[in-house]
Amino acid sequence: MSSILNITLPAGWVFGAIGLVAFGSVLVGAYLIRSPRKAIEKQIELYRAIHWKTEPLSWDREIRNTTVMGWMALLSGIAAFVLIARQCAIFCWR
């Protein structure tokens, strides 16, 4: 059975795309950790722009959860960088 899309991409391109996503994850994670209240306020502004009113029930809980989400994004981005570095050592630089 043949595949409709038979696309072969160089490993460097794939790792580069994953690296860009990982870099974005690190940036967003750092922003959420550094200023969670500002991030929540930006989200509320975005929702108001589409006529959807939202307010946190508990600011303390929302700030804590946003900070935890920032740490998860930051750590997942760093983990992706580590995995890319390990795989590129095998596939990219032969």
PDB file of N, CA and C in Angstrom:
ATOM      1  N   MET A   1       0.842  -1.175   0.000  1.00  0.00           N
ATOM      2  CA  MET A   1       0.000   0.000   0.000  1.00  0.00           C
ATOM      3  C   MET A   1       0.890   1.243   0.000  1.00  0.00           C
ATOM      4  N   SER A   2       0.679   2.135  -0.939  1.00  0.00           N
ATOM      5  CA  SER A   2       1.515   3.320  -1.027  1.00  0.00           C
ATOM      6  C   SER A   2       0.877   4.493  -0.288  1.00  0.00           C
ATOM      7  N   SER A   3       1.731   5.365   0.167  1.00  0.00           N
ATOM      8  CA  SER A   3       1.288   6.550   0.890  1.00  0.00           C
ATOM      9  C   SER A   3       0.985   7.680  -0.096  1.00  0.00           C
ATOM     10  N   ILE A   4      -0.019   8.461   0.219  1.00  0.00           N
ATOM     11  CA  ILE A   4      -0.350   9.600  -0.632  1.00  0.00           C
ATOM     12  C   ILE A   4       0.738  10.661  -0.529  1.00  0.00           C
ATOM     13  N   LEU A   5       1.149  10.960   0.695  1.00  0.00           N
ATOM     14  CA  LEU A   5       2.195  11.954   0.920  1.00  0.00           C
ATOM     15  C   LEU A   5       3.481  11.243   1.307  1.00  0.00           C
ATOM     16  N   ASN A   6       4.387  11.179   0.390  1.00  0.00           N
ATOM     17  CA  ASN A   6       5.676  10.562   0.661  1.00  0.00           C
ATOM     18  C   ASN A   6       6.713  11.681   0.710  1.00  0.00           C
ATOM     19  N   ILE A   7       6.802  12.328   1.874  1.00  0.00           N
ATOM     20  CA  ILE A   7       7.669  13.493   2.027  1.00  0.00           C
ATOM     21  C   ILE A   7       8.831  13.122   2.933  1.00  0.00           C
ATOM     22  N   THR A   8      10.021  13.460   2.494  1.00  0.00           N
ATOM     23  CA  THR A   8      11.208  13.245   3.303  1.00  0.00           C
ATOM     24  C   THR A   8      11.823  14.609   3.609  1.00  0.00           C
ATOM     25  N   LEU A   9      11.947  14.901   4.877  1.00  0.00           N
ATOM     26  CA  LEU A   9      12.530  16.169   5.305  1.00  0.00           C
ATOM     27  C   LEU A   9      13.890  15.917   5.936  1.00  0.00           C
ATOM     28  N   PRO A  10      14.825  16.825   5.715  1.00  0.00           N
ATOM     29  CA  PRO A  10      16.115  16.690   6.397  1.00  0.00           C
ATOM     30  C   PRO A  10      15.925  16.818   7.911  1.00  0.00           C
ATOM     31  N   ALA A  11      16.715  16.073   8.652  1.00  0.00           N
ATOM     32  CA  ALA A  11      16.590  16.078  10.118  1.00  0.00           C
ATOM     33  C   ALA A  11      16.798  17.472  10.697  1.00  0.00           C
ATOM     34  N   GLY A  12      17.676  18.252  10.094  1.00  0.00           N
ATOM     35  CA  GLY A  12      17.939  19.597  10.590  1.00  0.00           C
ATOM     36  C   GLY A  12      16.713  20.489  10.545  1.00  0.00           C
ATOM     37  N   TRP A  13      15.882  20.343   9.511  1.00  0.00           N
ATOM     38  CA  TRP A  13      14.663  21.145   9.398  1.00  0.00           C
ATOM     39  C   TRP A  13      13.670  20.774  10.473  1.00  0.00           C
ATOM     40  N   VAL A  14      13.515  19.486  10.693  1.00  0.00           N
ATOM     41  CA  VAL A  14      12.566  19.021  11.706  1.00  0.00           C
ATOM     42  C   VAL A  14      13.019  19.492  13.089  1.00  0.00           C
ATOM     43  N   PHE A  15      14.288  19.309  13.386  1.00  0.00           N
ATOM     44  CA  PHE A  15      14.799  19.742  14.683  1.00  0.00           C
ATOM     45  C   PHE A  15      14.742  21.262  14.816  1.00  0.00           C
ATOM     46  N   GLY A  16      14.931  21.974  13.711  1.00  0.00           N
ATOM     47  CA  GLY A  16      14.830  23.426  13.741  1.00  0.00           C
ATOM     48  C   GLY A  16      13.416  23.889  14.063  1.00  0.00           C
ATOM     49  N   ALA A  17      12.418  23.244  13.456  1.00  0.00           N
ATOM     50  CA  ALA A  17      11.024  23.603  13.733  1.00  0.00           C
ATOM     51  C   ALA A  17      10.664  23.306  15.182  1.00  0.00           C
ATOM     52  N   ILE A  18      11.088  22.153  15.665  1.00  0.00           N
ATOM     53  CA  ILE A  18      10.826  21.812  17.069  1.00  0.00           C
ATOM     54  C   ILE A  18      11.566  22.780  17.985  1.00  0.00           C
ATOM     55  N   GLY A  19      12.755  23.187  17.584  1.00  0.00           N
ATOM     56  CA  GLY A  19      13.520  24.153  18.368  1.00  0.00           C
ATOM     57  C   GLY A  19      12.826  25.503  18.464  1.00  0.00           C
ATOM     58  N   LEU A  20      12.195  25.954  17.373  1.00  0.00           N
ATOM     59  CA  LEU A  20      11.448  27.217  17.416  1.00  0.00           C
ATOM     60  C   LEU A  20      10.265  27.129  18.379  1.00  0.00           C
ATOM     61  N   VAL A  21       9.558  26.018  18.347  1.00  0.00           N
ATOM     62  CA  VAL A  21       8.439  25.831  19.272  1.00  0.00           C
ATOM     63  C   VAL A  21       8.956  25.781  20.709  1.00  0.00           C
ATOM     64  N   ALA A  22      10.073  25.095  20.927  1.00  0.00           N
ATOM     65  CA  ALA A  22      10.656  25.016  22.272  1.00  0.00           C
ATOM     66  C   ALA A  22      11.096  26.395  22.753  1.00  0.00           C
ATOM     67  N   PHE A  23      11.673  27.199  21.859  1.00  0.00           N
ATOM     68  CA  PHE A  23      12.092  28.553  22.216  1.00  0.00           C
ATOM     69  C   PHE A  23      10.890  29.404  22.614  1.00  0.00           C
ATOM     70  N   GLY A  24       9.801  29.280  21.853  1.00  0.00           N
ATOM     71  CA  GLY A  24       8.569  29.982  22.203  1.00  0.00           C
ATOM     72  C   GLY A  24       8.026  29.538  23.545  1.00  0.00           C
ATOM     73  N   SER A  25       8.118  28.248  23.824  1.00  0.00           N
ATOM     74  CA  SER A  25       7.663  27.726  25.108  1.00  0.00           C
ATOM     75  C   SER A  25       8.476  28.300  26.260  1.00  0.00           C
ATOM     76  N   VAL A  26       9.777  28.408  26.069  1.00  0.00           N
ATOM     77  CA  VAL A  26      10.633  28.982  27.108  1.00  0.00           C
ATOM     78  C   VAL A  26      10.285  30.455  27.329  1.00  0.00           C
ATOM     79  N   LEU A  27      10.074  31.199  26.240  1.00  0.00           N
ATOM     80  CA  LEU A  27       9.729  32.622  26.371  1.00  0.00           C
ATOM     81  C   LEU A  27       8.387  32.814  27.081  1.00  0.00           C
ATOM     82  N   VAL A  28       7.380  32.064  26.659  1.00  0.00           N
ATOM     83  CA  VAL A  28       6.059  32.184  27.286  1.00  0.00           C
ATOM     84  C   VAL A  28       6.129  31.757  28.743  1.00  0.00           C
ATOM     85  N   GLY A  29       6.825  30.669  29.024  1.00  0.00           N
ATOM     86  CA  GLY A  29       6.972  30.215  30.406  1.00  0.00           C
ATOM     87  C   GLY A  29       7.640  31.251  31.287  1.00  0.00           C
ATOM     88  N   ALA A  30       8.700  31.867  30.776  1.00  0.00           N
ATOM     89  CA  ALA A  30       9.389  32.902  31.561  1.00  0.00           C
ATOM     90  C   ALA A  30       8.480  34.097  31.809  1.00  0.00           C
ATOM     91  N   TYR A  31       7.692  34.477  30.793  1.00  0.00           N
ATOM     92  CA  TYR A  31       6.756  35.596  30.958  1.00  0.00           C
ATOM     93  C   TYR A  31       5.689  35.274  32.002  1.00  0.00           C
ATOM     94  N   LEU A  32       5.146  34.058  31.954  1.00  0.00           N
ATOM     95  CA  LEU A  32       4.105  33.677  32.915  1.00  0.00           C
ATOM     96  C   LEU A  32       4.650  33.598  34.338  1.00  0.00           C
ATOM     97  N   ILE A  33       5.885  33.178  34.498  1.00  0.00           N
ATOM     98  CA  ILE A  33       6.493  33.108  35.823  1.00  0.00           C
ATOM     99  C   ILE A  33       6.801  34.512  36.345  1.00  0.00           C
ATOM    100  N   ARG A  34       7.316  35.362  35.450  1.00  0.00           N
ATOM    101  CA  ARG A  34       7.747  36.699  35.863  1.00  0.00           C
ATOM    102  C   ARG A  34       6.583  37.622  36.202  1.00  0.00           C
ATOM    103  N   SER A  35       5.517  37.573  35.425  1.00  0.00           N
ATOM    104  CA  SER A  35       4.397  38.491  35.675  1.00  0.00           C
ATOM    105  C   SER A  35       3.053  37.803  35.408  1.00  0.00           C
ATOM    106  N   PRO A  36       2.635  36.931  36.325  1.00  0.00           N
ATOM    107  CA  PRO A  36       1.385  36.208  36.108  1.00  0.00           C
ATOM    108  C   PRO A  36       0.155  37.119  36.119  1.00  0.00           C
ATOM    109  N   ARG A  37       0.148  38.136  36.968  1.00  0.00           N
ATOM    110  CA  ARG A  37      -1.008  39.036  37.024  1.00  0.00           C
ATOM    111  C   ARG A  37      -1.187  39.782  35.697  1.00  0.00           C
ATOM    112  N   LYS A  38      -0.087  40.243  35.128  1.00  0.00           N
ATOM    113  CA  LYS A  38      -0.146  40.953  33.856  1.00  0.00           C
ATOM    114  C   LYS A  38      -0.638  40.022  32.740  1.00  0.00           C
ATOM    115  N   ALA A  39      -0.211  38.755  32.769  1.00  0.00           N
ATOM    116  CA  ALA A  39      -0.658  37.786  31.769  1.00  0.00           C
ATOM    117  C   ALA A  39      -2.163  37.539  31.884  1.00  0.00           C
ATOM    118  N   ILE A  40      -2.656  37.449  33.101  1.00  0.00           N
ATOM    119  CA  ILE A  40      -4.094  37.248  33.306  1.00  0.00           C
ATOM    120  C   ILE A  40      -4.871  38.466  32.823  1.00  0.00           C
ATOM    121  N   GLU A  41      -4.363  39.659  33.115  1.00  0.00           N
ATOM    122  CA  GLU A  41      -5.028  40.876  32.657  1.00  0.00           C
ATOM    123  C   GLU A  41      -5.043  40.970  31.136  1.00  0.00           C
ATOM    124  N   LYS A  42      -3.964  40.551  30.478  1.00  0.00           N
ATOM    125  CA  LYS A  42      -3.930  40.524  29.008  1.00  0.00           C
ATOM    126  C   LYS A  42      -4.975  39.548  28.469  1.00  0.00           C
ATOM    127  N   GLN A  43      -5.129  38.406  29.124  1.00  0.00           N
ATOM    128  CA  GLN A  43      -6.125  37.425  28.706  1.00  0.00           C
ATOM    129  C   GLN A  43      -7.534  37.990  28.855  1.00  0.00           C
ATOM    130  N   ILE A  44      -7.787  38.698  29.943  1.00  0.00           N
ATOM    131  CA  ILE A  44      -9.098  39.312  30.154  1.00  0.00           C
ATOM    132  C   ILE A  44      -9.360  40.353  29.066  1.00  0.00           C
ATOM    133  N   GLU A  45      -8.343  41.159  28.714  1.00  0.00           N
ATOM    134  CA  GLU A  45      -8.490  42.139  27.634  1.00  0.00           C
ATOM    135  C   GLU A  45      -8.817  41.461  26.306  1.00  0.00           C
ATOM    136  N   LEU A  46      -8.159  40.351  26.031  1.00  0.00           N
ATOM    137  CA  LEU A  46      -8.413  39.618  24.799  1.00  0.00           C
ATOM    138  C   LEU A  46      -9.861  39.119  24.759  1.00  0.00           C
ATOM    139  N   TYR A  47     -10.340  38.590  25.877  1.00  0.00           N
ATOM    140  CA  TYR A  47     -11.721  38.107  25.920  1.00  0.00           C
ATOM    141  C   TYR A  47     -12.721  39.249  25.797  1.00  0.00           C
ATOM    142  N   ARG A  48     -12.419  40.397  26.370  1.00  0.00           N
ATOM    143  CA  ARG A  48     -13.321  41.553  26.247  1.00  0.00           C
ATOM    144  C   ARG A  48     -13.403  42.031  24.801  1.00  0.00           C
ATOM    145  N   ALA A  49     -12.317  41.888  24.061  1.00  0.00           N
ATOM    146  CA  ALA A  49     -12.314  42.300  22.658  1.00  0.00           C
ATOM    147  C   ALA A  49     -13.298  41.480  21.828  1.00  0.00           C
ATOM    148  N   ILE A  50     -13.563  40.256  22.245  1.00  0.00           N
ATOM    149  CA  ILE A  50     -14.543  39.424  21.526  1.00  0.00           C
ATOM    150  C   ILE A  50     -15.860  39.354  22.292  1.00  0.00           C
ATOM    151  N   HIS A  51     -16.087  40.345  23.167  1.00  0.00           N
ATOM    152  CA  HIS A  51     -17.341  40.498  23.914  1.00  0.00           C
ATOM    153  C   HIS A  51     -17.646  39.283  24.798  1.00  0.00           C
ATOM    154  N   TRP A  52     -16.627  38.839  25.516  1.00  0.00           N
ATOM    155  CA  TRP A  52     -16.795  37.712  26.424  1.00  0.00           C
ATOM    156  C   TRP A  52     -16.236  38.142  27.774  1.00  0.00           C
ATOM    157  N   LYS A  53     -17.112  38.433  28.700  1.00  0.00           N
ATOM    158  CA  LYS A  53     -16.686  38.934  30.005  1.00  0.00           C
ATOM    159  C   LYS A  53     -16.235  37.768  30.880  1.00  0.00           C
ATOM    160  N   THR A  54     -15.068  37.903  31.450  1.00  0.00           N
ATOM    161  CA  THR A  54     -14.542  36.883  32.351  1.00  0.00           C
ATOM    162  C   THR A  54     -13.726  37.543  33.450  1.00  0.00           C
ATOM    163  N   GLU A  55     -13.836  37.035  34.625  1.00  0.00           N
ATOM    164  CA  GLU A  55     -13.066  37.492  35.783  1.00  0.00           C
ATOM    165  C   GLU A  55     -12.701  36.275  36.617  1.00  0.00           C
ATOM    166  N   PRO A  56     -11.492  36.261  37.180  1.00  0.00           N
ATOM    167  CA  PRO A  56     -11.123  35.137  38.043  1.00  0.00           C
ATOM    168  C   PRO A  56     -11.957  35.132  39.322  1.00  0.00           C
ATOM    169  N   LEU A  57     -12.323  33.953  39.779  1.00  0.00           N
ATOM    170  CA  LEU A  57     -13.048  33.844  41.045  1.00  0.00           C
ATOM    171  C   LEU A  57     -12.134  34.161  42.212  1.00  0.00           C
ATOM    172  N   SER A  58     -10.896  33.706  42.116  1.00  0.00           N
ATOM    173  CA  SER A  58      -9.906  33.964  43.151  1.00  0.00           C
ATOM    174  C   SER A  58      -8.596  34.364  42.482  1.00  0.00           C
ATOM    175  N   TRP A  59      -8.177  35.619  42.680  1.00  0.00           N
ATOM    176  CA  TRP A  59      -6.944  36.090  42.069  1.00  0.00           C
ATOM    177  C   TRP A  59      -5.737  35.318  42.581  1.00  0.00           C
ATOM    178  N   ASP A  60      -5.726  35.005  43.867  1.00  0.00           N
ATOM    179  CA  ASP A  60      -4.583  34.269  44.429  1.00  0.00           C
ATOM    180  C   ASP A  60      -4.427  32.905  43.765  1.00  0.00           C
ATOM    181  N   ARG A  61      -5.533  32.204  43.616  1.00  0.00           N
ATOM    182  CA  ARG A  61      -5.489  30.874  43.003  1.00  0.00           C
ATOM    183  C   ARG A  61      -5.120  30.983  41.518  1.00  0.00           C
ATOM    184  N   GLU A  62      -5.651  31.979  40.840  1.00  0.00           N
ATOM    185  CA  GLU A  62      -5.362  32.157  39.420  1.00  0.00           C
ATOM    186  C   GLU A  62      -3.886  32.493  39.196  1.00  0.00           C
ATOM    187  N   ILE A  63      -3.331  33.334  40.052  1.00  0.00           N
ATOM    188  CA  ILE A  63      -1.906  33.671  39.941  1.00  0.00           C
ATOM    189  C   ILE A  63      -1.046  32.450  40.215  1.00  0.00           C
ATOM    190  N   ARG A  64      -1.403  31.661  41.215  1.00  0.00           N
ATOM    191  CA  ARG A  64      -0.645  30.434  41.509  1.00  0.00           C
ATOM    192  C   ARG A  64      -0.700  29.474  40.328  1.00  0.00           C
ATOM    193  N   ASN A  65      -1.891  29.274  39.760  1.00  0.00           N
ATOM    194  CA  ASN A  65      -2.033  28.350  38.636  1.00  0.00           C
ATOM    195  C   ASN A  65      -1.295  28.856  37.388  1.00  0.00           C
ATOM    196  N   THR A  66      -1.314  30.153  37.170  1.00  0.00           N
ATOM    197  CA  THR A  66      -0.591  30.721  36.029  1.00  0.00           C
ATOM    198  C   THR A  66       0.910  30.551  36.204  1.00  0.00           C
ATOM    199  N   THR A  67       1.395  30.721  37.418  1.00  0.00           N
ATOM    200  CA  THR A  67       2.824  30.518  37.686  1.00  0.00           C
ATOM    201  C   THR A  67       3.215  29.058  37.463  1.00  0.00           C
ATOM    202  N   VAL A  68       2.383  28.139  37.923  1.00  0.00           N
ATOM    203  CA  VAL A  68       2.656  26.705  37.710  1.00  0.00           C
ATOM    204  C   VAL A  68       2.657  26.387  36.215  1.00  0.00           C
ATOM    205  N   MET A  69       1.693  26.964  35.480  1.00  0.00           N
ATOM    206  CA  MET A  69       1.642  26.758  34.036  1.00  0.00           C
ATOM    207  C   MET A  69       2.906  27.315  33.376  1.00  0.00           C
ATOM    208  N   GLY A  70       3.411  28.441  33.865  1.00  0.00           N
ATOM    209  CA  GLY A  70       4.647  29.006  33.343  1.00  0.00           C
ATOM    210  C   GLY A  70       5.836  28.087  33.572  1.00  0.00           C
ATOM    211  N   TRP A  71       5.920  27.511  34.774  1.00  0.00           N
ATOM    212  CA  TRP A  71       7.005  26.562  35.052  1.00  0.00           C
ATOM    213  C   TRP A  71       6.923  25.342  34.146  1.00  0.00           C
ATOM    214  N   MET A  72       5.700  24.846  33.910  1.00  0.00           N
ATOM    215  CA  MET A  72       5.543  23.683  33.029  1.00  0.00           C
ATOM    216  C   MET A  72       5.976  24.015  31.597  1.00  0.00           C
ATOM    217  N   ALA A  73       5.601  25.196  31.117  1.00  0.00           N
ATOM    218  CA  ALA A  73       6.007  25.600  29.766  1.00  0.00           C
ATOM    219  C   ALA A  73       7.519  25.771  29.683  1.00  0.00           C
ATOM    220  N   LEU A  74       8.101  26.395  30.689  1.00  0.00           N
ATOM    221  CA  LEU A  74       9.550  26.606  30.703  1.00  0.00           C
ATOM    222  C   LEU A  74      10.301  25.276  30.736  1.00  0.00           C
ATOM    223  N   LEU A  75       9.892  24.389  31.613  1.00  0.00           N
ATOM    224  CA  LEU A  75      10.580  23.097  31.737  1.00  0.00           C
ATOM    225  C   LEU A  75      10.384  22.218  30.505  1.00  0.00           C
ATOM    226  N   SER A  76       9.197  22.268  29.899  1.00  0.00           N
ATOM    227  CA  SER A  76       8.994  21.467  28.688  1.00  0.00           C
ATOM    228  C   SER A  76       9.833  22.013  27.533  1.00  0.00           C
ATOM    229  N   GLY A  77       9.992  23.339  27.454  1.00  0.00           N
ATOM    230  CA  GLY A  77      10.857  23.911  26.425  1.00  0.00           C
ATOM    231  C   GLY A  77      12.308  23.528  26.622  1.00  0.00           C
ATOM    232  N   ILE A  78      12.771  23.561  27.858  1.00  0.00           N
ATOM    233  CA  ILE A  78      14.150  23.155  28.149  1.00  0.00           C
ATOM    234  C   ILE A  78      14.353  21.674  27.845  1.00  0.00           C
ATOM    235  N   ALA A  79      13.369  20.846  28.222  1.00  0.00           N
ATOM    236  CA  ALA A  79      13.461  19.411  27.929  1.00  0.00           C
ATOM    237  C   ALA A  79      13.517  19.168  26.421  1.00  0.00           C
ATOM    238  N   ALA A  80      12.737  19.937  25.661  1.00  0.00           N
ATOM    239  CA  ALA A  80      12.775  19.786  24.203  1.00  0.00           C
ATOM    240  C   ALA A  80      14.147  20.166  23.657  1.00  0.00           C
ATOM    241  N   PHE A  81      14.750  21.240  24.180  1.00  0.00           N
ATOM    242  CA  PHE A  81      16.093  21.623  23.751  1.00  0.00           C
ATOM    243  C   PHE A  81      17.111  20.519  24.047  1.00  0.00           C
ATOM    244  N   VAL A  82      17.002  19.917  25.220  1.00  0.00           N
ATOM    245  CA  VAL A  82      17.931  18.837  25.589  1.00  0.00           C
ATOM    246  C   VAL A  82      17.762  17.649  24.645  1.00  0.00           C
ATOM    247  N   LEU A  83      16.507  17.278  24.375  1.00  0.00           N
ATOM    248  CA  LEU A  83      16.274  16.149  23.472  1.00  0.00           C
ATOM    249  C   LEU A  83      16.749  16.457  22.057  1.00  0.00           C
ATOM    250  N   ILE A  84      16.544  17.681  21.598  1.00  0.00           N
ATOM    251  CA  ILE A  84      17.031  18.065  20.267  1.00  0.00           C
ATOM    252  C   ILE A  84      18.552  17.985  20.221  1.00  0.00           C
ATOM    253  N   ALA A  85      19.202  18.479  21.256  1.00  0.00           N
ATOM    254  CA  ALA A  85      20.664  18.444  21.287  1.00  0.00           C
ATOM    255  C   ALA A  85      21.177  17.006  21.258  1.00  0.00           C
ATOM    256  N   ARG A  86      20.515  16.136  21.998  1.00  0.00           N
ATOM    257  CA  ARG A  86      20.955  14.736  22.007  1.00  0.00           C
ATOM    258  C   ARG A  86      20.715  14.072  20.658  1.00  0.00           C
ATOM    259  N   GLN A  87      19.573  14.338  20.035  1.00  0.00           N
ATOM    260  CA  GLN A  87      19.261  13.712  18.747  1.00  0.00           C
ATOM    261  C   GLN A  87      20.102  14.307  17.624  1.00  0.00           C
ATOM    262  N   CYS A  88      20.358  15.605  17.687  1.00  0.00           N
ATOM    263  CA  CYS A  88      21.185  16.220  16.651  1.00  0.00           C
ATOM    264  C   CYS A  88      22.610  15.700  16.714  1.00  0.00           C
ATOM    265  N   ALA A  89      23.072  15.357  17.894  1.00  0.00           N
ATOM    266  CA  ALA A  89      24.402  14.785  18.009  1.00  0.00           C
ATOM    267  C   ALA A  89      24.476  13.464  17.248  1.00  0.00           C
ATOM    268  N   ILE A  90      23.331  12.795  17.135  1.00  0.00           N
ATOM    269  CA  ILE A  90      23.284  11.514  16.436  1.00  0.00           C
ATOM    270  C   ILE A  90      23.014  11.713  14.933  1.00  0.00           C
ATOM    271  N   PHE A  91      21.994  12.546  14.583  1.00  0.00           N
ATOM    272  CA  PHE A  91      21.521  12.627  13.218  1.00  0.00           C
ATOM    273  C   PHE A  91      22.057  13.797  12.404  1.00  0.00           C
ATOM    274  N   CYS A  92      22.240  14.947  13.006  1.00  0.00           N
ATOM    275  CA  CYS A  92      22.520  16.161  12.222  1.00  0.00           C
ATOM    276  C   CYS A  92      23.971  16.318  11.828  1.00  0.00           C
ATOM    277  N   TRP A  93      24.880  16.018  12.713  1.00  0.00           N
ATOM    278  CA  TRP A  93      26.280  16.327  12.458  1.00  0.00           C
ATOM    279  C   TRP A  93      27.086  15.063  12.219  1.00  0.00           C
ATOM    280  N   ARG A  94      26.798  14.374  11.154  1.00  0.00           N
ATOM    281  CA  ARG A  94      27.550  13.174  10.809  1.00  0.00           C
ATOM    282  C   ARG A  94      28.585  13.483   9.789  1.00  0.00           C
TER     283      ARG A  94
END
